[in-house]
């Protein structure tokens, strides 16, 4: 099963992730005051319990074309569509 959600991350002074919160809507993640916001793609495999995640961090308020694992961002998350 594949699911998508927004995450907001707060960083330590050294740049490590200190805290993460999960959101259904981009606006909520952006309004959280976090240091960085990303869309995550999560794939759960019920057969063996493995989980795969991909991250697409906002850059200047925009998503890149792909997640960091090479999968394309679904059209519904691209600018001009509901987010």
PDB file of N, CA and C in Angstrom:
ATOM      1  N   UNK A   1       0.839  -1.165   0.000  1.00  0.00           N
ATOM      2  CA  UNK A   1       0.000   0.000   0.000  1.00  0.00           C
ATOM      3  C   UNK A   1       0.895   1.243   0.000  1.00  0.00           C
ATOM      4  N   UNK A   2       0.570   2.214  -0.838  1.00  0.00           N
ATOM      5  CA  UNK A   2       1.325   3.462  -0.924  1.00  0.00           C
ATOM      6  C   UNK A   2       0.494   4.597  -0.350  1.00  0.00           C
ATOM      7  N   UNK A   3       1.110   5.402   0.507  1.00  0.00           N
ATOM      8  CA  UNK A   3       0.426   6.564   1.079  1.00  0.00           C
ATOM      9  C   UNK A   3       1.367   7.761   1.058  1.00  0.00           C
ATOM     10  N   UNK A   4       0.771   8.942   1.134  1.00  0.00           N
ATOM     11  CA  UNK A   4       1.530  10.185   1.109  1.00  0.00           C
ATOM     12  C   UNK A   4       1.116  11.029   2.301  1.00  0.00           C
ATOM     13  N   UNK A   5       2.075  11.733   2.879  1.00  0.00           N
ATOM     14  CA  UNK A   5       1.761  12.677   3.946  1.00  0.00           C
ATOM     15  C   UNK A   5       2.848  13.741   4.000  1.00  0.00           C
ATOM     16  N   UNK A   6       2.496  14.848   4.590  1.00  0.00           N
ATOM     17  CA  UNK A   6       3.429  15.959   4.758  1.00  0.00           C
ATOM     18  C   UNK A   6       4.121  15.824   6.105  1.00  0.00           C
ATOM     19  N   UNK A   7       5.403  16.163   6.135  1.00  0.00           N
ATOM     20  CA  UNK A   7       6.120  16.187   7.398  1.00  0.00           C
ATOM     21  C   UNK A   7       6.737  17.566   7.612  1.00  0.00           C
ATOM     22  N   UNK A   8       6.841  17.929   8.867  1.00  0.00           N
ATOM     23  CA  UNK A   8       7.531  19.150   9.271  1.00  0.00           C
ATOM     24  C   UNK A   8       8.658  18.720  10.197  1.00  0.00           C
ATOM     25  N   UNK A   9       9.865  19.211   9.934  1.00  0.00           N
ATOM     26  CA  UNK A   9      11.028  18.830  10.723  1.00  0.00           C
ATOM     27  C   UNK A   9      11.661  20.060  11.377  1.00  0.00           C
ATOM     28  N   UNK A  10      12.019  19.909  12.642  1.00  0.00           N
ATOM     29  CA  UNK A  10      12.765  20.922  13.374  1.00  0.00           C
ATOM     30  C   UNK A  10      14.180  20.397  13.524  1.00  0.00           C
ATOM     31  N   UNK A  11      15.151  21.246  13.276  1.00  0.00           N
ATOM     32  CA  UNK A  11      16.549  20.834  13.275  1.00  0.00           C
ATOM     33  C   UNK A  11      17.299  21.355  14.490  1.00  0.00           C
ATOM     34  N   UNK A  12      18.330  20.613  14.877  1.00  0.00           N
ATOM     35  CA  UNK A  12      19.236  21.073  15.926  1.00  0.00           C
ATOM     36  C   UNK A  12      20.191  22.094  15.306  1.00  0.00           C
ATOM     37  N   UNK A  13      20.923  22.829  16.120  1.00  0.00           N
ATOM     38  CA  UNK A  13      21.898  23.781  15.568  1.00  0.00           C
ATOM     39  C   UNK A  13      22.926  23.131  14.632  1.00  0.00           C
ATOM     40  N   UNK A  14      23.197  21.843  14.832  1.00  0.00           N
ATOM     41  CA  UNK A  14      24.161  21.148  13.963  1.00  0.00           C
ATOM     42  C   UNK A  14      23.515  20.605  12.682  1.00  0.00           C
ATOM     43  N   UNK A  15      22.185  20.770  12.532  1.00  0.00           N
ATOM     44  CA  UNK A  15      21.503  20.337  11.312  1.00  0.00           C
ATOM     45  C   UNK A  15      20.865  18.971  11.368  1.00  0.00           C
ATOM     46  N   UNK A  16      20.915  18.309  12.510  1.00  0.00           N
ATOM     47  CA  UNK A  16      20.255  17.007  12.656  1.00  0.00           C
ATOM     48  C   UNK A  16      18.765  17.218  12.933  1.00  0.00           C
ATOM     49  N   UNK A  17      17.952  16.246  12.542  1.00  0.00           N
ATOM     50  CA  UNK A  17      16.518  16.326  12.800  1.00  0.00           C
ATOM     51  C   UNK A  17      16.278  16.062  14.284  1.00  0.00           C
ATOM     52  N   UNK A  18      15.617  17.013  14.926  1.00  0.00           N
ATOM     53  CA  UNK A  18      15.346  16.920  16.359  1.00  0.00           C
ATOM     54  C   UNK A  18      13.915  16.449  16.625  1.00  0.00           C
ATOM     55  N   UNK A  19      12.978  16.918  15.801  1.00  0.00           N
ATOM     56  CA  UNK A  19      11.558  16.594  15.989  1.00  0.00           C
ATOM     57  C   UNK A  19      10.879  16.535  14.627  1.00  0.00           C
ATOM     58  N   UNK A  20       9.915  15.617  14.500  1.00  0.00           N
ATOM     59  CA  UNK A  20       9.148  15.468  13.262  1.00  0.00           C
ATOM     60  C   UNK A  20       7.673  15.372  13.606  1.00  0.00           C
ATOM     61  N   UNK A  21       6.841  16.117  12.885  1.00  0.00           N
ATOM     62  CA  UNK A  21       5.390  15.991  13.001  1.00  0.00           C
ATOM     63  C   UNK A  21       4.822  15.688  11.627  1.00  0.00           C
ATOM     64  N   UNK A  22       3.708  14.979  11.598  1.00  0.00           N
ATOM     65  CA  UNK A  22       3.087  14.541  10.359  1.00  0.00           C
ATOM     66  C   UNK A  22       1.759  15.268  10.165  1.00  0.00           C
ATOM     67  N   UNK A  23       1.456  15.599   8.904  1.00  0.00           N
ATOM     68  CA  UNK A  23       0.256  16.372   8.579  1.00  0.00           C
ATOM     69  C   UNK A  23      -0.397  15.814   7.313  1.00  0.00           C
ATOM     70  N   UNK A  24      -1.717  15.993   7.226  1.00  0.00           N
ATOM     71  CA  UNK A  24      -2.456  15.610   6.026  1.00  0.00           C
ATOM     72  C   UNK A  24      -2.388  16.690   4.955  1.00  0.00           C
ATOM     73  N   UNK A  25      -2.220  17.943   5.387  1.00  0.00           N
ATOM     74  CA  UNK A  25      -2.250  19.062   4.436  1.00  0.00           C
ATOM     75  C   UNK A  25      -0.943  19.857   4.447  1.00  0.00           C
ATOM     76  N   UNK A  26      -0.521  20.270   3.272  1.00  0.00           N
ATOM     77  CA  UNK A  26       0.690  21.073   3.122  1.00  0.00           C
ATOM     78  C   UNK A  26       0.607  22.348   3.950  1.00  0.00           C
ATOM     79  N   UNK A  27      -0.550  23.014   3.916  1.00  0.00           N
ATOM     80  CA  UNK A  27      -0.718  24.277   4.625  1.00  0.00           C
ATOM     81  C   UNK A  27      -0.464  24.107   6.126  1.00  0.00           C
ATOM     82  N   UNK A  28      -0.913  23.001   6.677  1.00  0.00           N
ATOM     83  CA  UNK A  28      -0.707  22.744   8.102  1.00  0.00           C
ATOM     84  C   UNK A  28       0.773  22.544   8.421  1.00  0.00           C
ATOM     85  N   UNK A  29       1.479  21.807   7.564  1.00  0.00           N
ATOM     86  CA  UNK A  29       2.914  21.598   7.773  1.00  0.00           C
ATOM     87  C   UNK A  29       3.666  22.917   7.660  1.00  0.00           C
ATOM     88  N   UNK A  30       3.310  23.729   6.664  1.00  0.00           N
ATOM     89  CA  UNK A  30       3.969  25.030   6.486  1.00  0.00           C
ATOM     90  C   UNK A  30       3.688  25.962   7.660  1.00  0.00           C
ATOM     91  N   UNK A  31       2.509  25.903   8.214  1.00  0.00           N
ATOM     92  CA  UNK A  31       2.129  26.767   9.327  1.00  0.00           C
ATOM     93  C   UNK A  31       2.662  26.328  10.669  1.00  0.00           C
ATOM     94  N   UNK A  32       3.374  25.226  10.710  1.00  0.00           N
ATOM     95  CA  UNK A  32       3.866  24.676  11.977  1.00  0.00           C
ATOM     96  C   UNK A  32       5.089  25.408  12.519  1.00  0.00           C
ATOM     97  N   UNK A  33       5.752  26.197  11.687  1.00  0.00           N
ATOM     98  CA  UNK A  33       6.969  26.879  12.114  1.00  0.00           C
ATOM     99  C   UNK A  33       8.209  26.007  12.046  1.00  0.00           C
ATOM    100  N   UNK A  34       8.126  24.894  11.341  1.00  0.00           N
ATOM    101  CA  UNK A  34       9.255  23.967  11.242  1.00  0.00           C
ATOM    102  C   UNK A  34      10.371  24.545  10.381  1.00  0.00           C
ATOM    103  N   UNK A  35      11.556  23.961  10.529  1.00  0.00           N
ATOM    104  CA  UNK A  35      12.710  24.383   9.739  1.00  0.00           C
ATOM    105  C   UNK A  35      12.631  23.895   8.287  1.00  0.00           C
ATOM    106  N   UNK A  36      12.039  22.727   8.075  1.00  0.00           N
ATOM    107  CA  UNK A  36      11.876  22.220   6.715  1.00  0.00           C
ATOM    108  C   UNK A  36      10.620  21.367   6.630  1.00  0.00           C
ATOM    109  N   UNK A  37      10.043  21.348   5.409  1.00  0.00           N
ATOM    110  CA  UNK A  37       8.796  20.628   5.147  1.00  0.00           C
ATOM    111  C   UNK A  37       9.013  19.739   3.929  1.00  0.00           C
ATOM    112  N   UNK A  38       8.444  18.542   3.983  1.00  0.00           N
ATOM    113  CA  UNK A  38       8.581  17.599   2.873  1.00  0.00           C
ATOM    114  C   UNK A  38       7.299  16.803   2.688  1.00  0.00           C
ATOM    115  N   UNK A  39       7.104  16.327   1.467  1.00  0.00           N
ATOM    116  CA  UNK A  39       6.072  15.342   1.173  1.00  0.00           C
ATOM    117  C   UNK A  39       6.753  13.986   1.244  1.00  0.00           C
ATOM    118  N   UNK A  40       6.147  13.028   1.924  1.00  0.00           N
ATOM    119  CA  UNK A  40       6.728  11.695   2.011  1.00  0.00           C
ATOM    120  C   UNK A  40       5.864  10.702   1.244  1.00  0.00           C
ATOM    121  N   UNK A  41       6.520   9.723   0.668  1.00  0.00           N
ATOM    122  CA  UNK A  41       5.863   8.604  -0.021  1.00  0.00           C
ATOM    123  C   UNK A  41       6.239   7.357   0.769  1.00  0.00           C
ATOM    124  N   UNK A  42       5.232   6.713   1.324  1.00  0.00           N
ATOM    125  CA  UNK A  42       5.462   5.540   2.156  1.00  0.00           C
ATOM    126  C   UNK A  42       4.829   4.326   1.480  1.00  0.00           C
ATOM    127  N   UNK A  43       5.603   3.261   1.357  1.00  0.00           N
ATOM    128  CA  UNK A  43       5.105   2.005   0.796  1.00  0.00           C
ATOM    129  C   UNK A  43       5.235   0.939   1.865  1.00  0.00           C
ATOM    130  N   UNK A  44       4.100   0.375   2.266  1.00  0.00           N
ATOM    131  CA  UNK A  44       4.071  -0.705   3.254  1.00  0.00           C
ATOM    132  C   UNK A  44       3.863  -2.022   2.532  1.00  0.00           C
ATOM    133  N   UNK A  45       4.648  -3.005   2.882  1.00  0.00           N
ATOM    134  CA  UNK A  45       4.488  -4.342   2.326  1.00  0.00           C
ATOM    135  C   UNK A  45       3.945  -5.240   3.423  1.00  0.00           C
ATOM    136  N   UNK A  46       2.672  -5.564   3.334  1.00  0.00           N
ATOM    137  CA  UNK A  46       2.033  -6.362   4.377  1.00  0.00           C
ATOM    138  C   UNK A  46       2.624  -7.770   4.472  1.00  0.00           C
ATOM    139  N   UNK A  47       3.136  -8.273   3.360  1.00  0.00           N
ATOM    140  CA  UNK A  47       3.652  -9.637   3.324  1.00  0.00           C
ATOM    141  C   UNK A  47       4.848  -9.825   4.254  1.00  0.00           C
ATOM    142  N   UNK A  48       5.823  -8.908   4.187  1.00  0.00           N
ATOM    143  CA  UNK A  48       7.019  -9.078   5.004  1.00  0.00           C
ATOM    144  C   UNK A  48       7.258  -7.953   6.008  1.00  0.00           C
ATOM    145  N   UNK A  49       6.329  -6.996   6.073  1.00  0.00           N
ATOM    146  CA  UNK A  49       6.421  -5.936   7.068  1.00  0.00           C
ATOM    147  C   UNK A  49       7.414  -4.827   6.761  1.00  0.00           C
ATOM    148  N   UNK A  50       8.009  -4.838   5.589  1.00  0.00           N
ATOM    149  CA  UNK A  50       8.979  -3.813   5.235  1.00  0.00           C
ATOM    150  C   UNK A  50       8.281  -2.494   4.882  1.00  0.00           C
ATOM    151  N   UNK A  51       8.955  -1.399   5.168  1.00  0.00           N
ATOM    152  CA  UNK A  51       8.452  -0.073   4.841  1.00  0.00           C
ATOM    153  C   UNK A  51       9.527   0.650   4.038  1.00  0.00           C
ATOM    154  N   UNK A  52       9.104   1.297   2.959  1.00  0.00           N
ATOM    155  CA  UNK A  52      10.013   2.100   2.151  1.00  0.00           C
ATOM    156  C   UNK A  52       9.497   3.532   2.160  1.00  0.00           C
ATOM    157  N   UNK A  53      10.391   4.498   2.349  1.00  0.00           N
ATOM    158  CA  UNK A  53      10.000   5.910   2.357  1.00  0.00           C
ATOM    159  C   UNK A  53      10.830   6.684   1.348  1.00  0.00           C
ATOM    160  N   UNK A  54      10.168   7.654   0.736  1.00  0.00           N
ATOM    161  CA  UNK A  54      10.855   8.614  -0.121  1.00  0.00           C
ATOM    162  C   UNK A  54      10.481   9.999   0.367  1.00  0.00           C
ATOM    163  N   UNK A  55      11.392  10.945   0.228  1.00  0.00           N
ATOM    164  CA  UNK A  55      11.166  12.312   0.698  1.00  0.00           C
ATOM    165  C   UNK A  55      11.343  13.294  -0.444  1.00  0.00           C
ATOM    166  N   UNK A  56      10.484  14.308  -0.465  1.00  0.00           N
ATOM    167  CA  UNK A  56      10.584  15.399  -1.435  1.00  0.00           C
ATOM    168  C   UNK A  56      10.492  16.695  -0.634  1.00  0.00           C
ATOM    169  N   UNK A  57      11.639  17.299  -0.357  1.00  0.00           N
ATOM    170  CA  UNK A  57      11.684  18.516   0.459  1.00  0.00           C
ATOM    171  C   UNK A  57      11.340  19.734  -0.389  1.00  0.00           C
ATOM    172  N   UNK A  58      10.516  20.598   0.171  1.00  0.00           N
ATOM    173  CA  UNK A  58      10.176  21.842  -0.502  1.00  0.00           C
ATOM    174  C   UNK A  58      11.425  22.704  -0.656  1.00  0.00           C
ATOM    175  N   UNK A  59      11.572  23.271  -1.835  1.00  0.00           N
ATOM    176  CA  UNK A  59      12.661  24.199  -2.118  1.00  0.00           C
ATOM    177  C   UNK A  59      12.025  25.471  -2.642  1.00  0.00           C
ATOM    178  N   UNK A  60      12.177  26.556  -1.913  1.00  0.00           N
ATOM    179  CA  UNK A  60      11.515  27.825  -2.260  1.00  0.00           C
ATOM    180  C   UNK A  60      10.010  27.629  -2.411  1.00  0.00           C
ATOM    181  N   UNK A  61       9.433  26.771  -1.558  1.00  0.00           N
ATOM    182  CA  UNK A  61       8.000  26.533  -1.558  1.00  0.00           C
ATOM    183  C   UNK A  61       7.497  25.583  -2.621  1.00  0.00           C
ATOM    184  N   UNK A  62       8.397  24.989  -3.394  1.00  0.00           N
ATOM    185  CA  UNK A  62       7.994  24.083  -4.474  1.00  0.00           C
ATOM    186  C   UNK A  62       8.585  22.694  -4.276  1.00  0.00           C
ATOM    187  N   UNK A  63       7.837  21.711  -4.769  1.00  0.00           N
ATOM    188  CA  UNK A  63       8.321  20.337  -4.733  1.00  0.00           C
ATOM    189  C   UNK A  63       9.243  20.076  -5.917  1.00  0.00           C
ATOM    190  N   UNK A  64      10.233  19.214  -5.744  1.00  0.00           N
ATOM    191  CA  UNK A  64      11.034  18.790  -6.895  1.00  0.00           C
ATOM    192  C   UNK A  64      10.193  17.869  -7.785  1.00  0.00           C
ATOM    193  N   UNK A  65      10.707  17.437  -8.893  1.00  0.00           N
ATOM    194  CA  UNK A  65       9.973  16.556  -9.811  1.00  0.00           C
ATOM    195  C   UNK A  65       9.831  15.143  -9.262  1.00  0.00           C
ATOM    196  N   UNK A  66      10.770  14.736  -8.402  1.00  0.00           N
ATOM    197  CA  UNK A  66      10.790  13.364  -7.896  1.00  0.00           C
ATOM    198  C   UNK A  66      11.117  13.331  -6.410  1.00  0.00           C
ATOM    199  N   UNK A  67      10.763  12.213  -5.787  1.00  0.00           N
ATOM    200  CA  UNK A  67      11.204  11.928  -4.430  1.00  0.00           C
ATOM    201  C   UNK A  67      12.682  11.553  -4.478  1.00  0.00           C
ATOM    202  N   UNK A  68      13.345  11.540  -3.344  1.00  0.00           N
ATOM    203  CA  UNK A  68      14.766  11.212  -3.315  1.00  0.00           C
ATOM    204  C   UNK A  68      15.058   9.769  -3.711  1.00  0.00           C
ATOM    205  N   UNK A  69      14.035   8.927  -3.787  1.00  0.00           N
ATOM    206  CA  UNK A  69      14.226   7.541  -4.231  1.00  0.00           C
ATOM    207  C   UNK A  69      13.857   7.336  -5.698  1.00  0.00           C
ATOM    208  N   UNK A  70      13.626   8.442  -6.432  1.00  0.00           N
ATOM    209  CA  UNK A  70      13.414   8.367  -7.875  1.00  0.00           C
ATOM    210  C   UNK A  70      11.975   8.312  -8.350  1.00  0.00           C
ATOM    211  N   UNK A  71      11.018   8.127  -7.453  1.00  0.00           N
ATOM    212  CA  UNK A  71       9.620   8.084  -7.867  1.00  0.00           C
ATOM    213  C   UNK A  71       9.116   9.503  -8.132  1.00  0.00           C
ATOM    214  N   UNK A  72       8.281   9.644  -9.149  1.00  0.00           N
ATOM    215  CA  UNK A  72       7.736  10.954  -9.505  1.00  0.00           C
ATOM    216  C   UNK A  72       6.681  11.392  -8.496  1.00  0.00           C
ATOM    217  N   UNK A  73       6.574  12.698  -8.320  1.00  0.00           N
ATOM    218  CA  UNK A  73       5.558  13.275  -7.439  1.00  0.00           C
ATOM    219  C   UNK A  73       4.203  13.127  -8.128  1.00  0.00           C
ATOM    220  N   UNK A  74       3.167  12.624  -7.447  1.00  0.00           N
ATOM    221  CA  UNK A  74       1.840  12.527  -8.068  1.00  0.00           C
ATOM    222  C   UNK A  74       1.320  13.913  -8.480  1.00  0.00           C
ATOM    223  N   UNK A  75       0.598  13.957  -9.576  1.00  0.00           N
ATOM    224  CA  UNK A  75       0.094  15.219 -10.117  1.00  0.00           C
ATOM    225  C   UNK A  75      -0.735  16.007  -9.117  1.00  0.00           C
ATOM    226  N   UNK A  76      -1.440  15.335  -8.229  1.00  0.00           N
ATOM    227  CA  UNK A  76      -2.296  16.053  -7.286  1.00  0.00           C
ATOM    228  C   UNK A  76      -1.504  16.919  -6.308  1.00  0.00           C
ATOM    229  N   UNK A  77      -0.199  16.705  -6.201  1.00  0.00           N
ATOM    230  CA  UNK A  77       0.636  17.488  -5.309  1.00  0.00           C
ATOM    231  C   UNK A  77       1.415  18.600  -6.033  1.00  0.00           C
ATOM    232  N   UNK A  78       1.335  18.590  -7.344  1.00  0.00           N
ATOM    233  CA  UNK A  78       2.046  19.586  -8.140  1.00  0.00           C
ATOM    234  C   UNK A  78       1.296  20.903  -8.079  1.00  0.00           C
ATOM    235  N   UNK A  79       2.029  22.029  -8.145  1.00  0.00           N
ATOM    236  CA  UNK A  79       1.431  23.357  -8.042  1.00  0.00           C
ATOM    237  C   UNK A  79       0.234  23.480  -8.990  1.00  0.00           C
ATOM    238  N   UNK A  80      -0.800  24.137  -8.467  1.00  0.00           N
ATOM    239  CA  UNK A  80      -2.004  24.343  -9.252  1.00  0.00           C
ATOM    240  C   UNK A  80      -3.063  23.273  -8.991  1.00  0.00           C
ATOM    241  N   UNK A  81      -2.707  22.273  -8.231  1.00  0.00           N
ATOM    242  CA  UNK A  81      -3.661  21.220  -7.889  1.00  0.00           C
ATOM    243  C   UNK A  81      -3.876  21.219  -6.382  1.00  0.00           C
ATOM    244  N   UNK A  82      -4.964  20.642  -5.910  1.00  0.00           N
ATOM    245  CA  UNK A  82      -5.220  20.601  -4.462  1.00  0.00           C
ATOM    246  C   UNK A  82      -4.057  19.945  -3.728  1.00  0.00           C
ATOM    247  N   UNK A  83      -3.727  20.532  -2.584  1.00  0.00           N
ATOM    248  CA  UNK A  83      -2.622  19.980  -1.793  1.00  0.00           C
ATOM    249  C   UNK A  83      -3.089  19.842  -0.379  1.00  0.00           C
TER     250      UNK A  83
END
